Amino acid sequence: MSRPYQRPVRRAVLVAVACLPVMAGCKLVSQKTFNRHAGDPPNLPQHPPPVPGMDRPALVTIVAGTPDTQWRPAVRAAVADALSRKPNALFTIVVSVPDRADGSVPDMQKVVDANGQPVLQAVMDAGAGGSQTEMDARSVPANSATQVCIYAE
């Protein structure tokens, strides 16, 4: 007498054993099949990009407290020269504000209003349009002096 379920089980085992060599040659489809870099960690730059404007010398550097009569002619001449070379030049006025001695950040708006706005107005009076000027303020170490630098692109 034979068992009723012995034959189907035996057939399934024989089919599985017969298909095993065929299945060994198959490759599973994954993300790497279509993109060999899938799953790789991202390649980030090792250092942050440089701050724009600081990689080249400024057209004019003005130390805070310098009288207008000393820096206005230099600004006028530098802006006129830059505009003669490139009529659509962009002028960036950067106000470097030193930190306070206690390490806190000073009120940059007051420093920009007192030192940066007159320089911005002088650049515009020298011929640069409002769309050709921009202003920025940066914090610098406490032992530095407040400076206004003009960069041209």
C-alpha atoms as a PDB file:
ATOM      1  CA  MET A   1       0.000   0.000   0.000  1.00  0.00           C
ATOM      2  CA  SER A   2       1.339   3.388  -0.953  1.00  0.00           C
ATOM      3  CA  ARG A   3       0.851   6.581   0.890  1.00  0.00           C
ATOM      4  CA  PRO A   4      -1.408   9.075  -0.897  1.00  0.00           C
ATOM      5  CA  TYR A   5       0.805  12.162  -0.378  1.00  0.00           C
ATOM      6  CA  GLN A   6       4.189  10.611  -1.039  1.00  0.00           C
ATOM      7  CA  ARG A   7       4.159  11.101  -4.831  1.00  0.00           C
ATOM      8  CA  PRO A   8       3.450  14.881  -4.967  1.00  0.00           C
ATOM      9  CA  VAL A   9       6.098  15.553  -2.332  1.00  0.00           C
ATOM     10  CA  ARG A  10       8.606  13.440  -4.243  1.00  0.00           C
ATOM     11  CA  ARG A  11       7.775  15.295  -7.475  1.00  0.00           C
ATOM     12  CA  ALA A  12       8.226  18.695  -5.818  1.00  0.00           C
ATOM     13  CA  VAL A  13      11.606  17.654  -4.445  1.00  0.00           C
ATOM     14  CA  LEU A  14      12.703  16.344  -7.867  1.00  0.00           C
ATOM     15  CA  VAL A  15      11.589  19.560  -9.617  1.00  0.00           C
ATOM     16  CA  ALA A  16      13.416  21.696  -7.019  1.00  0.00           C
ATOM     17  CA  VAL A  17      16.614  19.657  -7.409  1.00  0.00           C
ATOM     18  CA  ALA A  18      16.358  19.863 -11.209  1.00  0.00           C
ATOM     19  CA  CYS A  19      15.871  23.672 -11.133  1.00  0.00           C
ATOM     20  CA  LEU A  20      18.679  24.305  -8.660  1.00  0.00           C
ATOM     21  CA  PRO A  21      21.512  24.480 -11.255  1.00  0.00           C
ATOM     22  CA  VAL A  22      19.407  26.800 -13.440  1.00  0.00           C
ATOM     23  CA  MET A  23      18.653  29.138 -10.523  1.00  0.00           C
ATOM     24  CA  ALA A  24      22.299  29.283  -9.473  1.00  0.00           C
ATOM     25  CA  GLY A  25      23.139  31.098 -12.717  1.00  0.00           C
ATOM     26  CA  CYS A  26      20.503  33.820 -12.186  1.00  0.00           C
ATOM     27  CA  LYS A  27      21.329  37.238 -10.825  1.00  0.00           C
ATOM     28  CA  LEU A  28      18.849  39.047  -8.625  1.00  0.00           C
ATOM     29  CA  VAL A  29      17.650  42.418  -9.857  1.00  0.00           C
ATOM     30  CA  SER A  30      18.453  45.265  -7.468  1.00  0.00           C
ATOM     31  CA  GLN A  31      19.123  49.004  -7.586  1.00  0.00           C
ATOM     32  CA  LYS A  32      22.753  48.292  -8.467  1.00  0.00           C
ATOM     33  CA  THR A  33      21.573  46.571 -11.673  1.00  0.00           C
ATOM     34  CA  PHE A  34      20.473  49.930 -13.092  1.00  0.00           C
ATOM     35  CA  ASN A  35      22.806  52.318 -11.223  1.00  0.00           C
ATOM     36  CA  ARG A  36      26.118  50.976  -9.976  1.00  0.00           C
ATOM     37  CA  HIS A  37      26.450  53.891  -7.522  1.00  0.00           C
ATOM     38  CA  ALA A  38      23.083  53.258  -5.862  1.00  0.00           C
ATOM     39  CA  GLY A  39      23.438  52.908  -2.117  1.00  0.00           C
ATOM     40  CA  ASP A  40      26.912  54.467  -2.035  1.00  0.00           C
ATOM     41  CA  PRO A  41      27.419  57.187   0.583  1.00  0.00           C
ATOM     42  CA  PRO A  42      27.242  60.711  -0.895  1.00  0.00           C
ATOM     43  CA  ASN A  43      30.469  62.439  -1.889  1.00  0.00           C
ATOM     44  CA  LEU A  44      30.484  65.723   0.034  1.00  0.00           C
ATOM     45  CA  PRO A  45      33.201  68.350  -0.332  1.00  0.00           C
ATOM     46  CA  GLN A  46      35.810  68.093   2.399  1.00  0.00           C
ATOM     47  CA  HIS A  47      35.805  71.820   3.177  1.00  0.00           C
ATOM     48  CA  PRO A  48      33.162  74.513   2.784  1.00  0.00           C
ATOM     49  CA  PRO A  49      33.381  76.702  -0.293  1.00  0.00           C
ATOM     50  CA  PRO A  50      35.232  79.994   0.164  1.00  0.00           C
ATOM     51  CA  VAL A  51      33.260  83.105   1.040  1.00  0.00           C
ATOM     52  CA  PRO A  52      32.652  85.136  -2.117  1.00  0.00           C
ATOM     53  CA  GLY A  53      34.746  88.269  -2.335  1.00  0.00           C
ATOM     54  CA  MET A  54      37.309  87.288   0.254  1.00  0.00           C
ATOM     55  CA  ASP A  55      39.531  85.400  -2.194  1.00  0.00           C
ATOM     56  CA  ARG A  56      40.653  88.564  -4.001  1.00  0.00           C
ATOM     57  CA  PRO A  57      41.868  91.942  -2.806  1.00  0.00           C
ATOM     58  CA  ALA A  58      39.337  94.688  -2.239  1.00  0.00           C
ATOM     59  CA  LEU A  59      39.158  97.700  -4.535  1.00  0.00           C
ATOM     60  CA  VAL A  60      39.116  99.991  -1.517  1.00  0.00           C
ATOM     61  CA  THR A  61      39.417  99.255   2.210  1.00  0.00           C
ATOM     62  CA  ILE A  62      38.217 101.925   4.620  1.00  0.00           C
ATOM     63  CA  VAL A  63      38.875 101.782   8.355  1.00  0.00           C
ATOM     64  CA  ALA A  64      35.945 103.027  10.443  1.00  0.00           C
ATOM     65  CA  GLY A  65      36.449 106.577  11.653  1.00  0.00           C
ATOM     66  CA  THR A  66      38.336 107.757   8.571  1.00  0.00           C
ATOM     67  CA  PRO A  67      37.020 111.159   7.437  1.00  0.00           C
ATOM     68  CA  ASP A  68      34.918 111.246   4.240  1.00  0.00           C
ATOM     69  CA  THR A  69      37.352 113.613   2.588  1.00  0.00           C
ATOM     70  CA  GLN A  70      40.058 110.935   2.683  1.00  0.00           C
ATOM     71  CA  TRP A  71      38.156 107.936   1.320  1.00  0.00           C
ATOM     72  CA  ARG A  72      35.542 109.460  -1.042  1.00  0.00           C
ATOM     73  CA  PRO A  73      38.058 110.380  -3.820  1.00  0.00           C
ATOM     74  CA  ALA A  74      39.543 106.883  -3.706  1.00  0.00           C
ATOM     75  CA  VAL A  75      36.072 105.300  -3.919  1.00  0.00           C
ATOM     76  CA  ARG A  76      35.057 107.587  -6.774  1.00  0.00           C
ATOM     77  CA  ALA A  77      38.209 106.763  -8.753  1.00  0.00           C
ATOM     78  CA  ALA A  78      37.989 103.006  -8.111  1.00  0.00           C
ATOM     79  CA  VAL A  79      34.309 102.803  -9.097  1.00  0.00           C
ATOM     80  CA  ALA A  80      34.874 104.869 -12.225  1.00  0.00           C
ATOM     81  CA  ASP A  81      37.805 102.653 -13.229  1.00  0.00           C
ATOM     82  CA  ALA A  82      35.811  99.451 -12.613  1.00  0.00           C
ATOM     83  CA  LEU A  83      32.817 100.744 -14.583  1.00  0.00           C
ATOM     84  CA  SER A  84      35.045 101.766 -17.496  1.00  0.00           C
ATOM     85  CA  ARG A  85      36.366  98.193 -17.672  1.00  0.00           C
ATOM     86  CA  LYS A  86      33.026  96.481 -17.082  1.00  0.00           C
ATOM     87  CA  PRO A  87      29.891  98.644 -17.331  1.00  0.00           C
ATOM     88  CA  ASN A  88      27.687  96.094 -15.553  1.00  0.00           C
ATOM     89  CA  ALA A  89      30.096  95.450 -12.657  1.00  0.00           C
ATOM     90  CA  LEU A  90      28.606  94.354  -9.340  1.00  0.00           C
ATOM     91  CA  PHE A  91      29.949  96.168  -6.282  1.00  0.00           C
ATOM     92  CA  THR A  92      29.802  94.337  -2.962  1.00  0.00           C
ATOM     93  CA  ILE A  93      30.319  96.450   0.140  1.00  0.00           C
ATOM     94  CA  VAL A  94      31.403  94.231   3.054  1.00  0.00           C
ATOM     95  CA  VAL A  95      31.370  95.671   6.573  1.00  0.00           C
ATOM     96  CA  SER A  96      33.656  93.697   8.912  1.00  0.00           C
ATOM     97  CA  VAL A  97      32.301  94.045  12.447  1.00  0.00           C
ATOM     98  CA  PRO A  98      34.531  92.884  15.347  1.00  0.00           C
ATOM     99  CA  ASP A  99      33.011  90.751  18.086  1.00  0.00           C
ATOM    100  CA  ARG A 100      32.685  92.250  21.541  1.00  0.00           C
ATOM    101  CA  ALA A 101      35.345  91.511  24.138  1.00  0.00           C
ATOM    102  CA  ASP A 102      32.924  89.280  26.061  1.00  0.00           C
ATOM    103  CA  GLY A 103      32.437  87.140  22.941  1.00  0.00           C
ATOM    104  CA  SER A 104      28.906  88.269  22.128  1.00  0.00           C
ATOM    105  CA  VAL A 105      27.936  89.407  18.654  1.00  0.00           C
ATOM    106  CA  PRO A 106      27.504  93.191  18.289  1.00  0.00           C
ATOM    107  CA  ASP A 107      24.463  94.877  16.774  1.00  0.00           C
ATOM    108  CA  MET A 108      25.528  94.692  13.144  1.00  0.00           C
ATOM    109  CA  GLN A 109      22.652  96.817  11.889  1.00  0.00           C
ATOM    110  CA  LYS A 110      23.902  99.875  13.784  1.00  0.00           C
ATOM    111  CA  VAL A 111      27.459  99.389  12.509  1.00  0.00           C
ATOM    112  CA  VAL A 112      26.264  98.906   8.929  1.00  0.00           C
ATOM    113  CA  ASP A 113      24.081 102.015   9.148  1.00  0.00           C
ATOM    114  CA  ALA A 114      26.931 104.098  10.572  1.00  0.00           C
ATOM    115  CA  ASN A 115      29.801 102.828   8.397  1.00  0.00           C
ATOM    116  CA  GLY A 116      28.408 100.931   5.392  1.00  0.00           C
ATOM    117  CA  GLN A 117      25.585 103.203   4.229  1.00  0.00           C
ATOM    118  CA  PRO A 118      27.809 106.240   3.524  1.00  0.00           C
ATOM    119  CA  VAL A 119      30.159 104.041   1.469  1.00  0.00           C
ATOM    120  CA  LEU A 120      27.228 102.513  -0.419  1.00  0.00           C
ATOM    121  CA  GLN A 121      25.937 106.005  -1.201  1.00  0.00           C
ATOM    122  CA  ALA A 122      29.402 107.082  -2.385  1.00  0.00           C
ATOM    123  CA  VAL A 123      29.586 104.065  -4.736  1.00  0.00           C
ATOM    124  CA  MET A 124      26.173 104.945  -6.156  1.00  0.00           C
ATOM    125  CA  ASP A 125      27.144 108.622  -6.480  1.00  0.00           C
ATOM    126  CA  ALA A 126      30.230 107.535  -8.453  1.00  0.00           C
ATOM    127  CA  GLY A 127      28.019 105.981 -11.132  1.00  0.00           C
ATOM    128  CA  ALA A 128      26.970 102.505  -9.994  1.00  0.00           C
ATOM    129  CA  GLY A 129      23.242 101.833 -10.186  1.00  0.00           C
ATOM    130  CA  GLY A 130      21.168 100.467  -7.330  1.00  0.00           C
ATOM    131  CA  SER A 131      21.033  97.049  -9.022  1.00  0.00           C
ATOM    132  CA  GLN A 132      24.839  97.011  -9.216  1.00  0.00           C
ATOM    133  CA  THR A 133      25.391  97.279  -5.469  1.00  0.00           C
ATOM    134  CA  GLU A 134      24.922  94.937  -2.540  1.00  0.00           C
ATOM    135  CA  MET A 135      25.947  95.123   1.098  1.00  0.00           C
ATOM    136  CA  ASP A 136      27.057  92.408   3.487  1.00  0.00           C
ATOM    137  CA  ALA A 137      28.185  92.376   7.122  1.00  0.00           C
ATOM    138  CA  ARG A 138      30.579  89.839   8.604  1.00  0.00           C
ATOM    139  CA  SER A 139      31.723  89.175  12.119  1.00  0.00           C
ATOM    140  CA  VAL A 140      35.497  89.189  12.693  1.00  0.00           C
ATOM    141  CA  PRO A 141      37.634  88.501  15.806  1.00  0.00           C
ATOM    142  CA  ALA A 142      37.480  91.045  18.616  1.00  0.00           C
ATOM    143  CA  ASN A 143      41.038  92.314  18.135  1.00  0.00           C
ATOM    144  CA  SER A 144      40.252  93.589  14.607  1.00  0.00           C
ATOM    145  CA  ALA A 145      39.084  97.055  13.631  1.00  0.00           C
ATOM    146  CA  THR A 146      35.796  97.796  11.895  1.00  0.00           C
ATOM    147  CA  GLN A 147      36.476  97.992   8.150  1.00  0.00           C
ATOM    148  CA  VAL A 148      34.443  98.572   5.049  1.00  0.00           C
ATOM    149  CA  CYS A 149      35.756  96.809   1.931  1.00  0.00           C
ATOM    150  CA  ILE A 150      34.498  97.314  -1.614  1.00  0.00           C
ATOM    151  CA  TYR A 151      34.754  94.364  -4.023  1.00  0.00           C
ATOM    152  CA  ALA A 152      33.895  94.405  -7.732  1.00  0.00           C
ATOM    153  CA  GLU A 153      32.851  91.489  -9.900  1.00  0.00           C
END
